[in-house]
Protein backbone atom coordinates (compact mmCIF):
# COMPACT_ATOMS: atom_id res chain seq x y z
CA MET A 1 50.14 -126.75 -46.66
CA GLU A 2 48.45 -127.83 -49.84
CA ALA A 3 50.62 -128.52 -52.85
CA PRO A 4 50.81 -125.50 -55.17
CA ASP A 5 48.79 -125.63 -58.36
CA ALA A 6 51.36 -126.19 -61.09
CA ARG A 7 48.94 -125.54 -63.94
CA PRO A 8 49.31 -122.17 -65.67
CA ALA A 9 46.47 -119.81 -64.71
CA PRO A 10 44.19 -118.48 -67.45
CA SER A 11 45.69 -115.32 -68.90
CA PRO A 12 43.27 -112.39 -68.45
CA SER A 13 42.60 -110.19 -71.43
CA SER A 14 44.91 -107.29 -71.69
CA SER A 15 45.79 -104.71 -74.27
CA GLY A 16 49.54 -105.20 -73.81
CA PRO A 17 52.24 -107.00 -71.77
CA ILE A 18 52.22 -106.49 -68.04
CA GLN A 19 54.65 -103.87 -66.79
CA VAL A 20 56.46 -105.49 -63.84
CA ALA A 21 56.45 -102.65 -61.33
CA PRO A 22 54.68 -101.69 -58.06
CA GLY A 23 50.96 -101.31 -58.68
CA ALA A 24 50.88 -103.82 -61.52
CA ARG A 25 48.38 -106.69 -61.24
CA ILE A 26 49.41 -110.33 -61.93
CA GLY A 27 46.53 -112.67 -61.73
CA ARG A 28 44.83 -111.90 -58.47
CA TYR A 29 47.95 -110.31 -56.94
CA VAL A 30 48.81 -106.64 -56.86
CA LEU A 31 52.55 -105.87 -56.64
CA GLU A 32 53.40 -103.43 -53.82
CA GLY A 33 57.23 -103.21 -53.75
CA GLU A 34 60.35 -104.96 -54.93
CA LEU A 35 62.07 -107.21 -52.37
CA GLY A 36 65.02 -108.47 -54.36
CA ARG A 37 66.33 -109.15 -57.85
CA GLY A 38 68.40 -112.03 -59.29
CA GLY A 39 69.73 -113.20 -62.63
CA MET A 40 66.40 -114.66 -63.79
CA GLY A 41 63.73 -112.69 -62.07
CA ALA A 42 62.56 -110.34 -59.28
CA VAL A 43 60.63 -110.84 -56.06
CA PHE A 44 57.90 -108.45 -55.08
CA ARG A 45 55.79 -107.97 -51.96
CA ALA A 46 52.19 -108.39 -53.16
CA ARG A 47 48.62 -108.39 -51.98
CA ASP A 48 46.36 -111.43 -52.59
CA LEU A 49 43.06 -109.79 -53.55
CA ASP A 50 40.96 -112.85 -52.91
CA LEU A 51 42.40 -113.80 -49.48
CA GLY A 52 43.47 -110.39 -48.40
CA ARG A 53 46.92 -111.50 -47.31
CA ALA A 54 50.43 -110.37 -48.03
CA VAL A 55 52.56 -112.70 -50.15
CA ALA A 56 55.75 -112.72 -52.11
CA VAL A 57 55.50 -112.98 -55.90
CA LYS A 58 58.46 -114.04 -58.02
CA VAL A 59 58.28 -113.06 -61.69
CA VAL A 60 60.58 -113.66 -64.63
CA LEU A 61 62.21 -110.54 -66.03
CA GLY A 62 61.13 -109.49 -69.48
CA GLY A 63 64.17 -110.60 -71.45
CA LYS A 64 64.32 -114.01 -69.65
CA VAL A 65 60.82 -115.21 -70.47
CA GLY A 66 61.04 -118.51 -72.32
CA GLY A 67 60.71 -122.22 -72.05
CA SER A 68 63.60 -122.62 -69.63
CA ALA A 69 62.30 -119.81 -67.35
CA ARG A 70 58.88 -121.40 -67.09
CA GLU A 71 60.47 -124.82 -66.56
CA ARG A 72 62.56 -123.49 -63.71
CA LEU A 73 59.59 -121.95 -61.98
CA LEU A 74 57.80 -125.38 -62.30
CA ILE A 75 60.87 -127.11 -60.83
CA GLU A 76 60.87 -124.73 -57.89
CA ALA A 77 57.16 -125.28 -57.33
CA ARG A 78 57.34 -129.03 -57.56
CA ALA A 79 60.40 -129.16 -55.34
CA THR A 80 58.97 -127.06 -52.54
CA ALA A 81 55.60 -128.80 -52.92
CA ARG A 82 57.25 -131.84 -51.33
CA LEU A 83 58.59 -129.84 -48.39
CA GLN A 84 56.87 -128.71 -45.22
CA HIS A 85 59.48 -127.32 -42.93
CA GLU A 86 59.57 -124.10 -40.88
CA GLY A 87 63.00 -123.34 -42.29
CA ILE A 88 61.85 -123.55 -46.00
CA VAL A 89 59.68 -120.87 -47.60
CA ALA A 90 56.43 -122.45 -48.84
CA VAL A 91 55.27 -122.01 -52.43
CA HIS A 92 51.48 -121.70 -52.95
CA GLU A 93 50.98 -121.23 -56.64
CA VAL A 94 52.72 -121.13 -59.98
CA GLY A 95 50.99 -119.48 -62.95
CA GLU A 96 51.19 -117.33 -66.04
CA ALA A 97 49.54 -113.98 -66.85
CA ASP A 98 49.82 -112.42 -70.29
CA GLY A 99 52.82 -114.64 -71.03
CA LEU A 100 54.50 -113.69 -67.79
CA PRO A 101 55.35 -116.70 -65.52
CA TYR A 102 55.08 -116.09 -61.78
CA LEU A 103 55.42 -117.93 -58.52
CA VAL A 104 53.58 -117.16 -55.25
CA MET A 105 55.15 -117.96 -51.88
CA ASP A 106 55.17 -116.99 -48.23
CA LEU A 107 56.27 -113.46 -47.43
CA ILE A 108 59.21 -113.37 -44.99
CA GLU A 109 59.63 -109.98 -43.37
CA GLY A 110 63.32 -109.57 -42.91
CA ARG A 111 66.70 -109.41 -44.66
CA THR A 112 68.95 -111.85 -46.36
CA LEU A 113 71.95 -113.46 -44.66
CA TRP A 114 74.09 -111.70 -47.30
CA GLU A 115 72.94 -108.31 -45.90
CA VAL A 116 73.01 -109.26 -42.24
CA ALA A 117 76.50 -110.90 -42.13
CA GLY A 118 77.88 -108.59 -44.79
CA GLU A 119 77.13 -105.53 -42.66
CA ARG A 120 78.10 -106.97 -39.29
CA ARG A 121 79.37 -110.44 -38.72
CA PRO A 122 77.29 -112.31 -36.18
CA PRO A 123 78.91 -113.61 -32.93
CA PRO A 124 80.21 -117.23 -33.07
CA ARG A 125 77.21 -118.78 -31.33
CA ARG A 126 74.82 -116.86 -33.50
CA ALA A 127 76.63 -117.92 -36.66
CA ALA A 128 76.55 -121.55 -35.53
CA GLU A 129 72.78 -121.35 -34.78
CA ILE A 130 71.94 -119.86 -38.22
CA VAL A 131 73.89 -122.47 -40.20
CA ARG A 132 72.67 -125.28 -37.98
CA ASP A 133 69.04 -124.35 -38.63
CA VAL A 134 69.70 -124.09 -42.37
CA ALA A 135 71.39 -127.45 -42.27
CA ARG A 136 68.28 -128.94 -40.61
CA ALA A 137 66.07 -127.48 -43.36
CA LEU A 138 68.35 -128.93 -46.03
CA ASP A 139 68.32 -132.35 -44.34
CA HIS A 140 64.55 -132.22 -44.51
CA ALA A 141 64.76 -131.40 -48.25
CA HIS A 142 67.33 -134.15 -48.85
CA GLY A 143 65.10 -136.63 -47.04
CA HIS A 144 62.35 -135.77 -49.62
CA GLY A 145 64.62 -136.16 -52.61
CA VAL A 146 65.37 -132.40 -53.22
CA VAL A 147 68.91 -130.96 -53.63
CA HIS A 148 68.97 -127.17 -53.58
CA ARG A 149 72.18 -126.66 -55.64
CA ASP A 150 72.22 -122.83 -55.26
CA LEU A 151 72.35 -122.23 -51.53
CA LYS A 152 74.08 -118.92 -50.75
CA PRO A 153 73.64 -116.02 -48.30
CA GLN A 154 71.26 -114.27 -50.72
CA ASN A 155 68.91 -117.29 -50.63
CA VAL A 156 68.62 -117.40 -46.84
CA MET A 157 66.12 -114.97 -45.31
CA ILE A 158 66.41 -113.95 -41.64
CA ASP A 159 62.99 -113.05 -40.24
CA GLY A 160 62.20 -110.59 -37.53
CA ALA A 161 62.69 -113.22 -34.82
CA GLY A 162 66.14 -114.16 -36.16
CA ARG A 163 65.05 -117.46 -37.72
CA PRO A 164 66.60 -118.39 -41.10
CA HIS A 165 64.45 -119.56 -44.07
CA VAL A 166 65.79 -121.11 -47.29
CA VAL A 167 64.34 -119.66 -50.46
CA ASP A 168 64.79 -120.07 -54.26
CA PHE A 169 64.73 -123.72 -55.24
CA GLY A 170 64.86 -122.66 -58.89
CA LEU A 171 67.97 -124.76 -59.52
CA ALA A 172 66.83 -127.69 -57.35
CA ARG A 173 67.34 -131.12 -58.55
CA LEU A 174 64.77 -133.78 -57.84
CA VAL A 175 66.78 -136.88 -57.09
CA ASP A 176 64.24 -139.15 -58.72
CA ALA A 177 63.69 -136.89 -61.75
CA ARG A 178 63.95 -138.66 -65.11
CA THR A 179 64.75 -135.50 -67.07
CA ARG A 180 67.03 -132.67 -66.41
CA LEU A 181 66.79 -129.06 -67.54
CA THR A 182 70.43 -128.35 -67.36
CA MET A 183 72.64 -129.75 -70.18
CA THR A 184 76.04 -131.31 -69.52
CA GLY A 185 78.72 -128.60 -69.19
CA GLN A 186 76.40 -125.84 -68.18
CA LEU A 187 77.50 -124.01 -65.04
CA LEU A 188 75.05 -124.26 -62.19
CA GLY A 189 75.17 -122.09 -59.11
CA THR A 190 76.89 -118.89 -58.05
CA PRO A 191 80.64 -118.82 -58.79
CA GLN A 192 81.62 -117.36 -55.30
CA PHE A 193 79.86 -120.20 -53.49
CA ILE A 194 80.10 -123.02 -56.05
CA ALA A 195 81.28 -126.57 -55.29
CA PRO A 196 84.10 -127.87 -57.49
CA GLU A 197 81.94 -130.59 -58.96
CA GLN A 198 79.49 -127.88 -60.07
CA ALA A 199 82.27 -125.73 -61.47
CA ARG A 200 83.38 -128.71 -63.64
CA GLY A 201 79.86 -128.89 -65.09
CA GLU A 202 79.31 -132.57 -64.23
CA PRO A 203 75.62 -132.96 -63.48
CA GLY A 204 76.05 -136.66 -62.81
CA ALA A 205 78.47 -135.88 -59.96
CA ILE A 206 76.16 -133.33 -58.28
CA GLY A 207 74.38 -134.66 -55.19
CA LEU A 208 73.80 -133.96 -51.55
CA ALA A 209 77.47 -133.11 -51.09
CA VAL A 210 76.92 -129.85 -53.09
CA ASP A 211 74.58 -128.60 -50.37
CA VAL A 212 77.02 -129.67 -47.66
CA HIS A 213 79.71 -127.57 -49.44
CA ALA A 214 77.25 -124.62 -49.55
CA LEU A 215 76.70 -124.93 -45.74
CA GLY A 216 80.50 -124.48 -45.31
CA ALA A 217 80.30 -121.45 -47.60
CA LEU A 218 77.47 -119.95 -45.47
CA LEU A 219 79.45 -120.49 -42.28
CA TYR A 220 82.60 -119.01 -43.91
CA TRP A 221 80.47 -115.96 -44.90
CA CYS A 222 79.20 -115.57 -41.31
CA LEU A 223 82.77 -115.85 -39.90
CA LEU A 224 84.47 -113.32 -42.23
CA GLY A 225 81.76 -111.47 -44.12
CA ARG A 226 83.22 -112.58 -47.43
CA PRO A 227 82.86 -115.67 -49.67
CA PRO A 228 85.38 -118.52 -49.74
CA PHE A 229 86.57 -117.55 -53.27
CA GLU A 230 86.86 -114.18 -54.90
CA GLY A 231 88.28 -112.80 -58.11
CA GLU A 232 88.15 -110.06 -60.68
CA THR A 233 85.98 -112.16 -62.99
CA ALA A 234 83.61 -115.06 -62.73
CA LEU A 235 86.06 -117.26 -64.60
CA GLU A 236 88.82 -116.39 -62.08
CA VAL A 237 86.50 -117.26 -59.18
CA VAL A 238 85.61 -120.66 -60.82
CA ARG A 239 89.27 -121.37 -61.38
CA ARG A 240 90.08 -120.77 -57.73
CA ALA A 241 87.11 -122.87 -56.63
CA LEU A 242 88.62 -125.74 -58.72
CA VAL A 243 92.19 -125.60 -57.67
CA ASP A 244 92.70 -123.41 -54.60
CA ASP A 245 91.88 -124.13 -50.95
CA PRO A 246 89.95 -121.30 -49.20
CA VAL A 247 91.97 -119.13 -46.95
CA ALA A 248 91.67 -120.47 -43.37
CA PRO A 249 89.38 -118.02 -41.43
CA ARG A 250 91.86 -117.72 -38.55
CA ALA A 251 94.54 -116.61 -40.98
CA VAL A 252 92.33 -113.59 -41.74
CA ASP A 253 90.92 -113.05 -38.18
CA ALA A 254 92.65 -114.77 -35.31
CA THR A 255 89.54 -114.28 -33.10
CA VAL A 256 87.58 -116.83 -35.16
CA HIS A 257 86.77 -119.87 -33.06
CA PRO A 258 88.99 -122.80 -34.11
CA ASP A 259 86.08 -125.31 -34.11
CA LEU A 260 84.01 -123.18 -36.34
CA GLU A 261 86.92 -122.83 -38.75
CA THR A 262 87.43 -126.62 -38.75
CA ILE A 263 83.70 -127.25 -39.46
CA ALA A 264 83.65 -124.68 -42.35
CA LEU A 265 86.79 -126.05 -43.96
CA ARG A 266 85.61 -129.66 -43.63
CA CYS A 267 82.46 -128.69 -45.56
CA LEU A 268 84.49 -126.89 -48.19
CA GLU A 269 86.75 -129.88 -48.98
CA LYS A 270 87.35 -130.35 -52.74
CA GLU A 271 86.51 -133.99 -52.70
CA PRO A 272 82.90 -134.73 -51.75
CA ALA A 273 83.93 -137.88 -49.88
CA ARG A 274 86.02 -135.78 -47.48
CA ARG A 275 83.16 -133.46 -46.50
CA TYR A 276 80.56 -134.24 -43.82
CA PRO A 277 78.42 -137.11 -45.14
CA SER A 278 75.14 -135.19 -44.78
CA ALA A 279 73.50 -131.90 -43.78
CA ALA A 280 72.37 -133.70 -40.65
CA ALA A 281 75.95 -134.39 -39.72
CA VAL A 282 76.75 -130.70 -40.13
CA ALA A 283 73.87 -129.77 -37.83
CA GLY A 284 75.02 -132.29 -35.29
CA GLU A 285 78.55 -130.95 -35.36
CA LEU A 286 77.28 -127.39 -34.76
CA ASP A 287 75.01 -128.72 -31.95
CA ARG A 288 78.11 -130.07 -30.27
CA PHE A 289 79.84 -126.72 -30.62
CA LEU A 290 76.88 -124.92 -29.08
CA ALA A 291 76.77 -127.43 -26.24
CA GLY A 292 80.40 -126.92 -25.52
CA GLU A 293 81.30 -130.45 -26.44
CA PRO A 294 84.28 -131.61 -28.63
CA ILE A 295 83.48 -131.69 -32.33
CA VAL A 296 84.19 -134.80 -34.38
CA ALA A 297 86.21 -133.18 -37.18
CA ARG A 298 89.87 -132.40 -36.75
CA PRO A 299 91.91 -129.79 -38.55
CA ALA A 300 93.73 -131.03 -41.58
CA GLY A 301 97.30 -132.05 -40.78
CA ARG A 302 100.48 -131.56 -42.78
CA LEU A 303 100.17 -134.80 -44.52
CA ALA A 304 96.61 -134.11 -45.69
CA ARG A 305 97.76 -130.72 -47.01
CA VAL A 306 100.62 -132.40 -48.98
CA ARG A 307 98.19 -134.84 -50.41
CA ARG A 308 95.86 -132.07 -51.57
CA LEU A 309 98.88 -130.29 -53.16
CA ALA A 310 99.82 -133.52 -54.88
CA ARG A 311 96.33 -133.94 -56.41
CA ARG A 312 95.81 -130.38 -57.53
CA HIS A 313 99.33 -129.11 -58.22
CA PRO A 314 101.55 -132.00 -59.30
CA ALA A 315 104.04 -129.67 -61.03
CA ARG A 316 104.36 -127.44 -57.98
CA LEU A 317 104.85 -130.47 -55.78
CA ALA A 318 107.55 -131.82 -58.09
CA VAL A 319 109.47 -128.53 -57.79
CA LEU A 320 109.16 -128.73 -53.99
CA VAL A 321 110.38 -132.39 -53.96
CA LEU A 322 113.36 -131.55 -56.11
CA GLY A 323 114.24 -128.69 -53.85
CA LEU A 324 113.91 -130.99 -50.79
CA VAL A 325 116.12 -133.58 -52.45
CA PHE A 326 118.79 -130.95 -53.13
CA VAL A 327 118.66 -129.70 -49.55
CA VAL A 328 118.88 -133.30 -48.25
CA ALA A 329 121.81 -134.04 -50.62
CA VAL A 330 123.70 -130.94 -49.51
CA GLY A 331 122.91 -131.72 -45.85
CA THR A 332 123.97 -135.29 -46.34
CA GLY A 333 127.29 -134.10 -47.89
CA LEU A 334 127.91 -131.74 -44.96
CA THR A 335 126.95 -134.45 -42.45
CA GLY A 336 129.37 -136.92 -44.19
CA HIS A 337 132.13 -134.38 -44.04
CA ALA A 338 131.53 -133.90 -40.30
CA VAL A 339 131.52 -137.62 -39.73
CA ALA A 340 134.75 -138.08 -41.63
CA THR A 341 136.37 -135.26 -39.64
CA ALA A 342 135.27 -136.84 -36.36
CA ARG A 343 136.55 -140.16 -37.41
CA ALA A 344 139.96 -138.72 -38.44
CA ARG A 345 140.12 -136.95 -35.04
CA ASP A 346 139.43 -140.26 -33.21
CA ASP A 347 142.06 -142.05 -35.26
CA ALA A 348 144.63 -139.40 -34.39
CA ALA A 349 143.79 -139.74 -30.72
CA SER A 350 144.18 -143.45 -30.92
CA VAL A 351 147.59 -143.13 -32.51
CA LEU A 352 148.63 -140.66 -29.88
CA ARG A 353 147.59 -142.99 -27.09
CA ARG A 354 149.48 -145.92 -28.67
CA ASP A 355 152.59 -143.84 -29.10
CA THR A 356 152.42 -142.60 -25.57
CA LEU A 357 152.15 -146.21 -24.36
CA GLU A 358 155.16 -147.24 -26.28
CA GLN A 359 157.12 -144.32 -25.02
CA ALA A 360 156.13 -145.33 -21.43
CA ARG A 361 157.37 -148.78 -21.93
CA GLU A 362 160.62 -147.59 -23.30
CA ASP A 363 161.08 -145.32 -20.29
CA ALA A 364 160.41 -148.30 -18.01
CA GLU A 365 163.00 -150.42 -19.76
CA GLN A 366 165.49 -147.57 -19.46
CA ALA A 367 164.82 -147.21 -15.75
CA TRP A 368 165.26 -150.94 -15.14
CA ALA A 369 168.57 -150.89 -16.87
CA THR A 370 169.65 -147.99 -14.76
CA PHE A 371 168.69 -149.91 -11.72
CA GLU A 372 170.66 -152.88 -12.77
CA ALA A 373 173.72 -150.79 -13.35
CA LEU A 374 173.46 -149.33 -9.87
CA ARG A 375 173.00 -152.73 -8.26
CA VAL A 376 176.03 -154.18 -10.00
CA ALA A 377 178.11 -151.23 -8.95
CA GLY A 378 176.97 -151.58 -5.28
CA GLY A 379 177.47 -155.37 -5.13
CA GLY A 380 173.92 -156.06 -4.03
CA PRO A 381 171.98 -159.31 -4.67
CA ALA A 382 170.02 -159.55 -7.84
CA PRO A 383 166.32 -159.20 -7.12
CA PRO A 384 163.86 -161.36 -8.98
CA ARG A 385 163.16 -159.66 -12.27
CA ALA A 386 159.54 -159.01 -13.21
CA ALA A 387 158.18 -157.46 -16.28
CA PRO A 388 157.47 -153.73 -15.87
CA PRO A 389 153.76 -152.86 -15.81
CA ALA A 390 152.12 -151.46 -18.89
CA ARG A 391 150.89 -148.30 -17.17
CA ALA A 392 152.58 -145.83 -14.90
CA PRO A 393 156.08 -147.30 -15.50
CA ARG A 394 157.87 -144.16 -14.23
CA HIS A 395 156.44 -144.57 -10.65
CA ARG A 396 157.78 -148.17 -10.38
CA ALA A 397 161.12 -147.23 -11.83
CA GLN A 398 161.52 -144.34 -9.41
CA GLY A 399 160.68 -146.60 -6.45
CA GLY A 400 163.22 -149.24 -7.51
CA ALA A 401 165.91 -146.67 -7.99
CA ALA A 402 165.41 -145.07 -4.57
CA GLY A 403 165.39 -148.38 -2.62
CA PRO A 404 169.12 -149.11 -2.68
CA ALA A 405 170.01 -145.54 -1.85
CA GLY A 406 168.37 -145.96 1.51
């Protein structure tokens, strides 16, 4: 594929601005029908009059025409010009007609992943195949210095054969670019699928990990048919993306495969360093799942969840710790009481045993005295006296008393 011509095309003479609607002509392209619409522009199916082929033409909507709109189209053209991958929609031309910027790219006959998975969630293997193929396409882009930064189900087209294609590199960042269109603090991306570092508006922190996060969001969408974060307003969604963990898919649907849940949640980690290191690593993990092999990632344990809570909700953790300390203190007090009670019981038993032994000795002495009295009365010889045993004194005493009677 040849690199698209990034130079604006000469504007044909016209009596007025172009009406962006089916039947309108933009350059050598005639619009035939609208395929989709976004915040900045719309995409139309069109006919290339010179080559007689069907293409897709992206135009900027009337109220959005300006320097930034043109610049974004140029960014998209320059980014995709570097890429030649079956999973990435190729851009052929960028131009301007009567002040209307436009972009010409391959036409993909199909529907978006947003539509496909939103209507009917794909089976687990199919979901893994789609996201794996998208991950391979992103790995190709990353290898050529391009970060998408706005990957979402609406930007993945599924063709008639079921193959996914990544589109819309309008927010792409060229890793080696010296200038940046976006100013610090400006929100990039779609709130429902945004990475925390994007939500904070830190362009310097936005790298390949943003696209890895997006892969997790795509898989999450395939598994549940809903985004990782939702809210009544965009601000609420962004807040949740910053401080909340996504609901575990199996907590919503117990039939979700545990390995796919683990892969999705690993991609969606708040800290980029805790995600998979690359799109290739995500593709490899999904390949292992599809082959029936053990995946590398493991579900987050209790300690990891506590650490996350400590980082994002220190006040909440402090309340939990105080509550735990109180419970431990009460438990310790109850335990101490039980120990003291057991100790007192043992002491009492010891005293009882000692008193019983003393009583036994006294009984033995009394028996011996009785024996002596009987012997003297009977005139018998005095037997050698031995100290009575410490235990069972009554048996010895009884034996001694019975002997003379016989």
